[in-house]
Amino acid sequence: MKSRWLTNILLFTTVVILILIARYEPGIEEPGVETVTPLRASDIEQITVTRPLRDDMVLERDKDGFWWIAHEPRLPAETFQVNALTRLAEQAVTRSYPVSEMDLHQLELDPPRASLTLNGTQIDFGGIDALENQRYLRVGDRIKLVPDLYLYLIEAGYTQFVR
């Protein structure tokens, strides 16, 4: 009887160890989440918004951390709106493709619908993927798909950014 108990405890322990190995997969590193840019939102100092139907808008952060609209006259920017734009830098990408494999005209990236430049990193906005409601972005030599959360901000007038 005692040997059956030992056998059952040994089998139970083995099953628990195998379940833990299967669950946590030791030795297998999780792939990093790809983001739109390598920039962190807190590191962004200048934002340039370019859209075909409106004047360009430049937002600059001063040494005290306040955002300003570089417009005549210079106006304070609404932090909530600017932070919504800077979050794009860290937005997780659903899928990514090399530019060389894609038809930019078909994705509405040639010409782009709008462009956003974060500290010199240009992000071009294209059309929407009809199946998943994801926006096509061109960043450098990559086409990236992200949730369609940002174009409405970029197409807004500068008065919507005034504090």
Foldseek 3Di string as FASTA:
>chain_A
DVVVVVVVVVVVVVVVVVVVCVVPVPPDDDDDFDAPAPDQLQPFAKKWKFADPDDIWIWGADPVGWIWIPDVVIFTFDPVLSSLVSVNRGFGFPDKDFQVVDDCVVQQVVPARMWMATPNWIKGWGHADVPPCWTWIDTPRMTTTGHPDPVVSSPDDCVVGGD
